[in-house]
Amino acid sequence: MQAEYEIVIADTTCFILLDKIGEFNLLKSLFGKVTTTTVIAEEFGSPLPEWIIVKPTDYLQIQVMLDIDAGEASAISLAMESKPSLLILDDHKARLAAERMHLNYTGTFGLILRAKQNGIIPSVASIIVKIQNTNFHYSQSVINEILRLAGED
């Protein structure tokens, strides 16, 4: 997977969710190394493993132009500087911005689906149960679609 992209850039939501469910290493298993920005590292607020590279980026113009959160703006800015890249974004507005800018992106559920497809995890449903035990909430239609794509419906 890493070979398709110069870098994989993760946003704060991905880090927080995977950390809460004890699955942070899915990122390492899928990509080997992941990049993030100084803004996102600060938003996350906990030390990041050594396989996560933290880079500064000039994001303020992107943030103003797209009217999105500083972390997402910094991730998009870094992706624009580092093509080809893969962004991991869960925020709808940020994903729309990435799409308009022709950037590759996925979300945390997309990572979980890839982890199953690559044999890293045996089931998406077991991860979804962990997520449902956090303060993260997803619609039943989103959950049903991920389970369908994973062949677990």
N, C-alpha and C. Protein backbone atom coordinates (compact mmCIF):
# COMPACT_ATOMS: atom_id res chain seq x y z
N MET A 1 0.82 -1.20 0.00
CA MET A 1 0.00 0.00 0.00
C MET A 1 0.86 1.26 0.00
N GLN A 2 1.88 1.30 0.83
CA GLN A 2 2.73 2.48 0.92
C GLN A 2 3.33 2.85 -0.43
N ALA A 3 3.64 1.89 -1.26
CA ALA A 3 4.30 2.15 -2.53
C ALA A 3 3.47 3.04 -3.45
N GLU A 4 2.15 3.06 -3.32
CA GLU A 4 1.29 3.88 -4.15
C GLU A 4 1.43 5.35 -3.83
N TYR A 5 1.89 5.68 -2.66
CA TYR A 5 1.91 7.05 -2.18
C TYR A 5 3.29 7.42 -1.67
N GLU A 6 3.66 8.68 -1.89
CA GLU A 6 4.90 9.17 -1.30
C GLU A 6 4.79 9.18 0.22
N ILE A 7 3.63 9.67 0.70
CA ILE A 7 3.39 9.65 2.14
C ILE A 7 1.91 9.39 2.43
N VAL A 8 1.65 8.88 3.61
CA VAL A 8 0.29 8.73 4.13
C VAL A 8 0.18 9.72 5.28
N ILE A 9 -0.83 10.59 5.22
CA ILE A 9 -0.98 11.67 6.19
C ILE A 9 -2.26 11.45 6.99
N ALA A 10 -2.12 11.28 8.30
CA ALA A 10 -3.27 11.04 9.16
C ALA A 10 -3.68 12.30 9.91
N ASP A 11 -4.99 12.46 10.07
CA ASP A 11 -5.55 13.59 10.83
C ASP A 11 -5.84 13.15 12.27
N THR A 12 -6.14 14.11 13.08
CA THR A 12 -6.34 13.89 14.52
C THR A 12 -7.44 12.88 14.82
N THR A 13 -8.56 12.96 14.14
CA THR A 13 -9.68 12.07 14.44
C THR A 13 -9.28 10.61 14.30
N CYS A 14 -8.54 10.30 13.28
CA CYS A 14 -8.06 8.93 13.07
C CYS A 14 -7.21 8.48 14.26
N PHE A 15 -6.27 9.32 14.66
CA PHE A 15 -5.41 9.00 15.81
C PHE A 15 -6.23 8.78 17.08
N ILE A 16 -7.15 9.69 17.34
CA ILE A 16 -7.94 9.61 18.58
C ILE A 16 -8.79 8.34 18.59
N LEU A 17 -9.48 8.08 17.49
CA LEU A 17 -10.36 6.91 17.44
C LEU A 17 -9.57 5.61 17.57
N LEU A 18 -8.51 5.46 16.79
CA LEU A 18 -7.72 4.22 16.87
C LEU A 18 -7.09 4.05 18.25
N ASP A 19 -6.66 5.15 18.86
CA ASP A 19 -6.09 5.09 20.20
C ASP A 19 -7.15 4.64 21.22
N LYS A 20 -8.35 5.19 21.12
CA LYS A 20 -9.43 4.85 22.06
C LYS A 20 -9.81 3.37 22.00
N ILE A 21 -9.70 2.77 20.83
CA ILE A 21 -10.12 1.36 20.70
C ILE A 21 -8.93 0.40 20.76
N GLY A 22 -7.74 0.94 21.04
CA GLY A 22 -6.57 0.08 21.16
C GLY A 22 -6.07 -0.49 19.84
N GLU A 23 -6.30 0.22 18.75
CA GLU A 23 -5.93 -0.28 17.42
C GLU A 23 -5.00 0.67 16.68
N PHE A 24 -4.24 1.48 17.41
CA PHE A 24 -3.35 2.47 16.81
C PHE A 24 -2.37 1.82 15.83
N ASN A 25 -1.93 0.62 16.13
CA ASN A 25 -0.94 -0.05 15.28
C ASN A 25 -1.47 -0.51 13.93
N LEU A 26 -2.80 -0.38 13.71
CA LEU A 26 -3.32 -0.68 12.37
C LEU A 26 -2.64 0.19 11.33
N LEU A 27 -2.37 1.44 11.71
CA LEU A 27 -1.69 2.35 10.78
C LEU A 27 -0.32 1.81 10.40
N LYS A 28 0.43 1.37 11.40
CA LYS A 28 1.77 0.84 11.14
C LYS A 28 1.68 -0.44 10.32
N SER A 29 0.73 -1.30 10.64
CA SER A 29 0.57 -2.56 9.91
C SER A 29 0.22 -2.31 8.44
N LEU A 30 -0.57 -1.30 8.17
CA LEU A 30 -0.98 -1.00 6.80
C LEU A 30 0.08 -0.26 6.00
N PHE A 31 0.77 0.70 6.65
CA PHE A 31 1.61 1.62 5.90
C PHE A 31 3.08 1.62 6.30
N GLY A 32 3.43 1.00 7.41
CA GLY A 32 4.83 1.03 7.86
C GLY A 32 5.16 2.31 8.60
N LYS A 33 4.99 3.42 7.91
CA LYS A 33 5.16 4.72 8.57
C LYS A 33 4.04 5.64 8.10
N VAL A 34 3.73 6.60 8.92
CA VAL A 34 2.66 7.56 8.66
C VAL A 34 3.23 8.93 8.96
N THR A 35 2.74 9.92 8.27
CA THR A 35 3.17 11.30 8.49
C THR A 35 1.98 12.09 9.02
N THR A 36 2.27 13.06 9.84
CA THR A 36 1.27 13.99 10.32
C THR A 36 1.92 15.35 10.44
N THR A 37 1.15 16.34 10.82
CA THR A 37 1.69 17.69 10.94
C THR A 37 1.86 18.05 12.41
N THR A 38 2.63 19.09 12.64
CA THR A 38 2.82 19.57 14.02
C THR A 38 1.50 19.98 14.63
N VAL A 39 0.62 20.56 13.84
CA VAL A 39 -0.70 20.98 14.33
C VAL A 39 -1.49 19.76 14.82
N ILE A 40 -1.51 18.71 14.03
CA ILE A 40 -2.25 17.50 14.38
C ILE A 40 -1.63 16.83 15.60
N ALA A 41 -0.31 16.77 15.65
CA ALA A 41 0.37 16.19 16.82
C ALA A 41 -0.02 16.94 18.09
N GLU A 42 -0.09 18.27 18.01
CA GLU A 42 -0.51 19.06 19.17
C GLU A 42 -1.97 18.80 19.51
N GLU A 43 -2.84 18.72 18.50
CA GLU A 43 -4.26 18.43 18.75
C GLU A 43 -4.43 17.07 19.42
N PHE A 44 -3.66 16.08 18.98
CA PHE A 44 -3.76 14.74 19.56
C PHE A 44 -3.37 14.78 21.02
N GLY A 45 -2.30 15.49 21.33
CA GLY A 45 -1.95 15.77 22.71
C GLY A 45 -1.20 14.69 23.48
N SER A 46 -0.96 13.54 22.88
CA SER A 46 -0.20 12.47 23.52
C SER A 46 1.02 12.18 22.65
N PRO A 47 2.05 11.60 23.24
CA PRO A 47 3.22 11.26 22.43
C PRO A 47 2.85 10.28 21.31
N LEU A 48 3.44 10.49 20.16
CA LEU A 48 3.20 9.62 19.02
C LEU A 48 4.35 8.63 18.90
N PRO A 49 4.06 7.43 18.40
CA PRO A 49 5.12 6.42 18.22
C PRO A 49 6.19 6.90 17.24
N GLU A 50 7.36 6.29 17.29
CA GLU A 50 8.48 6.70 16.45
C GLU A 50 8.22 6.49 14.97
N TRP A 51 7.29 5.66 14.60
CA TRP A 51 7.01 5.41 13.19
C TRP A 51 6.07 6.46 12.58
N ILE A 52 5.67 7.44 13.38
CA ILE A 52 4.88 8.57 12.86
C ILE A 52 5.82 9.77 12.74
N ILE A 53 5.95 10.26 11.52
CA ILE A 53 6.82 11.39 11.23
C ILE A 53 5.98 12.67 11.34
N VAL A 54 6.47 13.62 12.10
CA VAL A 54 5.76 14.89 12.29
C VAL A 54 6.48 15.98 11.50
N LYS A 55 5.72 16.64 10.61
CA LYS A 55 6.29 17.68 9.76
C LYS A 55 5.52 18.99 9.91
N PRO A 56 6.23 20.10 9.89
CA PRO A 56 5.54 21.39 9.88
C PRO A 56 5.02 21.68 8.47
N THR A 57 4.02 22.51 8.37
CA THR A 57 3.51 22.94 7.08
C THR A 57 2.85 24.30 7.24
N ASP A 58 2.86 25.08 6.19
CA ASP A 58 2.22 26.40 6.20
C ASP A 58 0.78 26.21 5.74
N TYR A 59 -0.15 26.21 6.68
CA TYR A 59 -1.53 25.83 6.40
C TYR A 59 -2.54 26.96 6.49
N LEU A 60 -2.14 28.13 6.99
CA LEU A 60 -3.12 29.18 7.28
C LEU A 60 -3.91 29.62 6.05
N GLN A 61 -3.26 29.74 4.91
CA GLN A 61 -3.97 30.14 3.70
C GLN A 61 -5.00 29.08 3.32
N ILE A 62 -4.64 27.81 3.43
CA ILE A 62 -5.58 26.71 3.13
C ILE A 62 -6.76 26.76 4.10
N GLN A 63 -6.48 26.99 5.38
CA GLN A 63 -7.54 27.03 6.39
C GLN A 63 -8.54 28.13 6.08
N VAL A 64 -8.05 29.31 5.75
CA VAL A 64 -8.93 30.44 5.43
C VAL A 64 -9.70 30.16 4.14
N MET A 65 -8.99 29.68 3.13
CA MET A 65 -9.61 29.44 1.82
C MET A 65 -10.71 28.38 1.90
N LEU A 66 -10.47 27.31 2.67
CA LEU A 66 -11.42 26.20 2.70
C LEU A 66 -12.38 26.25 3.88
N ASP A 67 -12.10 27.13 4.84
CA ASP A 67 -12.93 27.26 6.05
C ASP A 67 -13.08 25.91 6.77
N ILE A 68 -11.92 25.32 7.09
CA ILE A 68 -11.90 24.04 7.81
C ILE A 68 -10.98 24.17 9.02
N ASP A 69 -11.03 23.18 9.87
CA ASP A 69 -10.22 23.09 11.08
C ASP A 69 -8.73 23.18 10.75
N ALA A 70 -7.94 23.70 11.69
CA ALA A 70 -6.50 23.86 11.48
C ALA A 70 -5.81 22.52 11.19
N GLY A 71 -6.19 21.47 11.91
CA GLY A 71 -5.57 20.17 11.68
C GLY A 71 -5.83 19.66 10.28
N GLU A 72 -7.07 19.73 9.85
CA GLU A 72 -7.40 19.26 8.51
C GLU A 72 -6.75 20.13 7.44
N ALA A 73 -6.71 21.44 7.68
CA ALA A 73 -6.04 22.34 6.74
C ALA A 73 -4.56 22.00 6.64
N SER A 74 -3.93 21.70 7.77
CA SER A 74 -2.51 21.37 7.74
C SER A 74 -2.27 20.04 7.01
N ALA A 75 -3.17 19.08 7.19
CA ALA A 75 -3.04 17.80 6.49
C ALA A 75 -3.18 17.98 4.99
N ILE A 76 -4.17 18.77 4.57
CA ILE A 76 -4.37 19.03 3.14
C ILE A 76 -3.18 19.79 2.57
N SER A 77 -2.68 20.77 3.31
CA SER A 77 -1.51 21.53 2.87
C SER A 77 -0.31 20.61 2.67
N LEU A 78 -0.07 19.72 3.62
CA LEU A 78 1.05 18.79 3.51
C LEU A 78 0.86 17.84 2.31
N ALA A 79 -0.38 17.41 2.09
CA ALA A 79 -0.66 16.53 0.95
C ALA A 79 -0.39 17.26 -0.37
N MET A 80 -0.71 18.53 -0.43
CA MET A 80 -0.46 19.31 -1.64
C MET A 80 1.04 19.47 -1.89
N GLU A 81 1.82 19.50 -0.83
CA GLU A 81 3.28 19.61 -0.93
C GLU A 81 3.93 18.27 -1.25
N SER A 82 3.22 17.17 -1.06
CA SER A 82 3.83 15.84 -1.06
C SER A 82 3.15 14.84 -1.98
N LYS A 83 2.71 15.26 -3.13
CA LYS A 83 2.03 14.31 -4.02
C LYS A 83 3.01 13.27 -4.52
N PRO A 84 2.63 12.04 -4.78
CA PRO A 84 1.32 11.48 -4.45
C PRO A 84 1.24 11.11 -2.96
N SER A 85 0.11 11.41 -2.38
CA SER A 85 -0.09 11.13 -0.96
C SER A 85 -1.51 10.60 -0.74
N LEU A 86 -1.70 10.03 0.43
CA LEU A 86 -3.01 9.57 0.84
C LEU A 86 -3.35 10.27 2.14
N LEU A 87 -4.46 10.98 2.16
CA LEU A 87 -4.95 11.65 3.36
C LEU A 87 -5.93 10.75 4.08
N ILE A 88 -5.84 10.72 5.39
CA ILE A 88 -6.83 10.02 6.21
C ILE A 88 -7.64 11.10 6.91
N LEU A 89 -8.84 11.35 6.40
CA LEU A 89 -9.71 12.41 6.89
C LEU A 89 -11.09 11.84 7.18
N ASP A 90 -11.65 12.20 8.32
CA ASP A 90 -13.01 11.76 8.63
C ASP A 90 -14.03 12.90 8.54
N ASP A 91 -13.57 14.13 8.62
CA ASP A 91 -14.47 15.29 8.57
C ASP A 91 -15.02 15.46 7.16
N HIS A 92 -16.35 15.56 7.05
CA HIS A 92 -17.01 15.63 5.75
C HIS A 92 -16.56 16.85 4.94
N LYS A 93 -16.51 18.00 5.58
CA LYS A 93 -16.12 19.23 4.89
C LYS A 93 -14.68 19.12 4.37
N ALA A 94 -13.79 18.56 5.16
CA ALA A 94 -12.40 18.39 4.74
C ALA A 94 -12.29 17.39 3.59
N ARG A 95 -13.09 16.34 3.63
CA ARG A 95 -13.06 15.35 2.55
C ARG A 95 -13.55 15.97 1.23
N LEU A 96 -14.58 16.80 1.31
CA LEU A 96 -15.06 17.49 0.12
C LEU A 96 -13.98 18.41 -0.45
N ALA A 97 -13.26 19.10 0.45
CA ALA A 97 -12.17 19.97 0.02
C ALA A 97 -11.07 19.15 -0.65
N ALA A 98 -10.71 18.03 -0.06
CA ALA A 98 -9.67 17.16 -0.64
C ALA A 98 -10.11 16.67 -2.02
N GLU A 99 -11.37 16.33 -2.15
CA GLU A 99 -11.88 15.86 -3.43
C GLU A 99 -11.81 16.96 -4.49
N ARG A 100 -12.21 18.17 -4.10
CA ARG A 100 -12.15 19.31 -5.04
C ARG A 100 -10.71 19.57 -5.49
N MET A 101 -9.75 19.27 -4.62
CA MET A 101 -8.34 19.51 -4.93
C MET A 101 -7.68 18.29 -5.58
N HIS A 102 -8.48 17.27 -5.87
CA HIS A 102 -8.01 16.04 -6.53
C HIS A 102 -6.93 15.33 -5.71
N LEU A 103 -7.13 15.30 -4.39
CA LEU A 103 -6.21 14.60 -3.49
C LEU A 103 -6.80 13.23 -3.14
N ASN A 104 -5.95 12.24 -2.96
CA ASN A 104 -6.40 10.91 -2.55
C ASN A 104 -6.72 10.94 -1.07
N TYR A 105 -7.86 10.37 -0.69
CA TYR A 105 -8.22 10.35 0.72
C TYR A 105 -9.03 9.11 1.04
N THR A 106 -9.03 8.79 2.30
CA THR A 106 -9.87 7.74 2.86
C THR A 106 -10.22 8.19 4.27
N GLY A 107 -11.03 7.39 4.95
CA GLY A 107 -11.35 7.68 6.34
C GLY A 107 -10.90 6.53 7.22
N THR A 108 -11.15 6.67 8.49
CA THR A 108 -10.75 5.63 9.43
C THR A 108 -11.45 4.32 9.11
N PHE A 109 -12.73 4.36 8.75
CA PHE A 109 -13.42 3.13 8.37
C PHE A 109 -12.79 2.52 7.11
N GLY A 110 -12.33 3.35 6.20
CA GLY A 110 -11.64 2.84 5.02
C GLY A 110 -10.37 2.09 5.40
N LEU A 111 -9.66 2.59 6.41
CA LEU A 111 -8.47 1.90 6.90
C LEU A 111 -8.83 0.55 7.50
N ILE A 112 -9.90 0.54 8.28
CA ILE A 112 -10.33 -0.70 8.93
C ILE A 112 -10.71 -1.73 7.87
N LEU A 113 -11.40 -1.29 6.83
CA LEU A 113 -11.76 -2.18 5.73
C LEU A 113 -10.50 -2.72 5.03
N ARG A 114 -9.52 -1.85 4.79
CA ARG A 114 -8.26 -2.29 4.17
C ARG A 114 -7.53 -3.28 5.07
N ALA A 115 -7.59 -3.05 6.37
CA ALA A 115 -6.92 -3.96 7.31
C ALA A 115 -7.52 -5.36 7.20
N LYS A 116 -8.83 -5.44 7.03
CA LYS A 116 -9.46 -6.76 6.86
C LYS A 116 -9.07 -7.36 5.52
N GLN A 117 -9.13 -6.55 4.47
CA GLN A 117 -8.80 -7.05 3.14
C GLN A 117 -7.35 -7.54 3.06
N ASN A 118 -6.47 -6.94 3.86
CA ASN A 118 -5.06 -7.34 3.88
C ASN A 118 -4.76 -8.42 4.91
N GLY A 119 -5.80 -8.94 5.58
CA GLY A 119 -5.61 -10.01 6.55
C GLY A 119 -5.00 -9.57 7.87
N ILE A 120 -5.01 -8.28 8.15
CA ILE A 120 -4.44 -7.76 9.39
C ILE A 120 -5.40 -7.96 10.55
N ILE A 121 -6.68 -7.82 10.27
CA ILE A 121 -7.72 -8.09 11.28
C ILE A 121 -8.68 -9.13 10.72
N PRO A 122 -9.27 -9.96 11.58
CA PRO A 122 -10.17 -10.99 11.07
C PRO A 122 -11.57 -10.47 10.75
N SER A 123 -11.96 -9.36 11.40
CA SER A 123 -13.33 -8.91 11.22
C SER A 123 -13.47 -7.41 11.45
N VAL A 124 -14.26 -6.79 10.60
CA VAL A 124 -14.59 -5.37 10.76
C VAL A 124 -15.60 -5.21 11.89
N ALA A 125 -16.52 -6.16 12.01
CA ALA A 125 -17.58 -6.07 13.02
C ALA A 125 -17.01 -5.94 14.42
N SER A 126 -15.95 -6.67 14.72
CA SER A 126 -15.38 -6.59 16.06
C SER A 126 -14.78 -5.21 16.35
N ILE A 127 -14.25 -4.57 15.33
CA ILE A 127 -13.72 -3.21 15.48
C ILE A 127 -14.88 -2.22 15.66
N ILE A 128 -15.95 -2.42 14.91
CA ILE A 128 -17.12 -1.54 15.03
C ILE A 128 -17.70 -1.62 16.44
N VAL A 129 -17.74 -2.80 17.02
CA VAL A 129 -18.23 -2.94 18.41
C VAL A 129 -17.37 -2.08 19.34
N LYS A 130 -16.05 -2.12 19.17
CA LYS A 130 -15.17 -1.29 19.98
C LYS A 130 -15.47 0.19 19.79
N ILE A 131 -15.70 0.61 18.54
CA ILE A 131 -16.00 2.01 18.25
C ILE A 131 -17.31 2.42 18.90
N GLN A 132 -18.30 1.55 18.86
CA GLN A 132 -19.60 1.87 19.45
C GLN A 132 -19.53 2.00 20.97
N ASN A 133 -18.46 1.52 21.57
CA ASN A 133 -18.28 1.67 23.02
C ASN A 133 -17.49 2.92 23.38
N THR A 134 -17.28 3.81 22.40
CA THR A 134 -16.61 5.09 22.64
C THR A 134 -17.64 6.20 22.48
N ASN A 135 -17.15 7.43 22.53
CA ASN A 135 -18.04 8.57 22.30
C ASN A 135 -18.12 8.95 20.82
N PHE A 136 -17.57 8.13 19.93
CA PHE A 136 -17.70 8.34 18.50
C PHE A 136 -19.00 7.69 18.03
N HIS A 137 -19.76 8.43 17.23
CA HIS A 137 -21.05 7.91 16.77
C HIS A 137 -21.13 7.99 15.25
N TYR A 138 -21.52 6.90 14.65
CA TYR A 138 -21.71 6.82 13.21
C TYR A 138 -23.11 6.31 12.94
N SER A 139 -23.68 6.76 11.82
CA SER A 139 -25.04 6.33 11.49
C SER A 139 -25.05 4.84 11.18
N GLN A 140 -26.20 4.23 11.39
CA GLN A 140 -26.35 2.81 11.11
C GLN A 140 -26.14 2.54 9.63
N SER A 141 -26.51 3.48 8.77
CA SER A 141 -26.31 3.27 7.33
C SER A 141 -24.82 3.22 6.99
N VAL A 142 -23.99 4.03 7.64
CA VAL A 142 -22.54 3.99 7.41
C VAL A 142 -21.99 2.65 7.90
N ILE A 143 -22.40 2.23 9.08
CA ILE A 143 -21.94 0.95 9.63
C ILE A 143 -22.36 -0.20 8.73
N ASN A 144 -23.61 -0.18 8.29
CA ASN A 144 -24.10 -1.24 7.40
C ASN A 144 -23.31 -1.30 6.10
N GLU A 145 -22.96 -0.13 5.55
CA GLU A 145 -22.21 -0.10 4.29
C GLU A 145 -20.80 -0.67 4.49
N ILE A 146 -20.14 -0.32 5.57
CA ILE A 146 -18.80 -0.86 5.83
C ILE A 146 -18.86 -2.39 6.02
N LEU A 147 -19.85 -2.84 6.77
CA LEU A 147 -20.02 -4.29 6.95
C LEU A 147 -20.31 -4.99 5.61
N ARG A 148 -21.11 -4.34 4.77
CA ARG A 148 -21.41 -4.91 3.45
C ARG A 148 -20.13 -5.00 2.61
N LEU A 149 -19.35 -3.92 2.59
CA LEU A 149 -18.11 -3.91 1.82
C LEU A 149 -17.11 -4.95 2.34
N ALA A 150 -17.18 -5.22 3.65
CA ALA A 150 -16.29 -6.21 4.26
C ALA A 150 -16.81 -7.64 4.08
N GLY A 151 -18.03 -7.77 3.53
CA GLY A 151 -18.64 -9.09 3.36
C GLY A 151 -19.12 -9.68 4.68
N GLU A 152 -19.49 -8.78 5.60
CA GLU A 152 -19.93 -9.23 6.93
C GLU A 152 -21.37 -8.83 7.24
N ASP A 153 -22.15 -8.53 6.20
CA ASP A 153 -23.53 -8.10 6.47
C ASP A 153 -24.50 -9.23 6.67
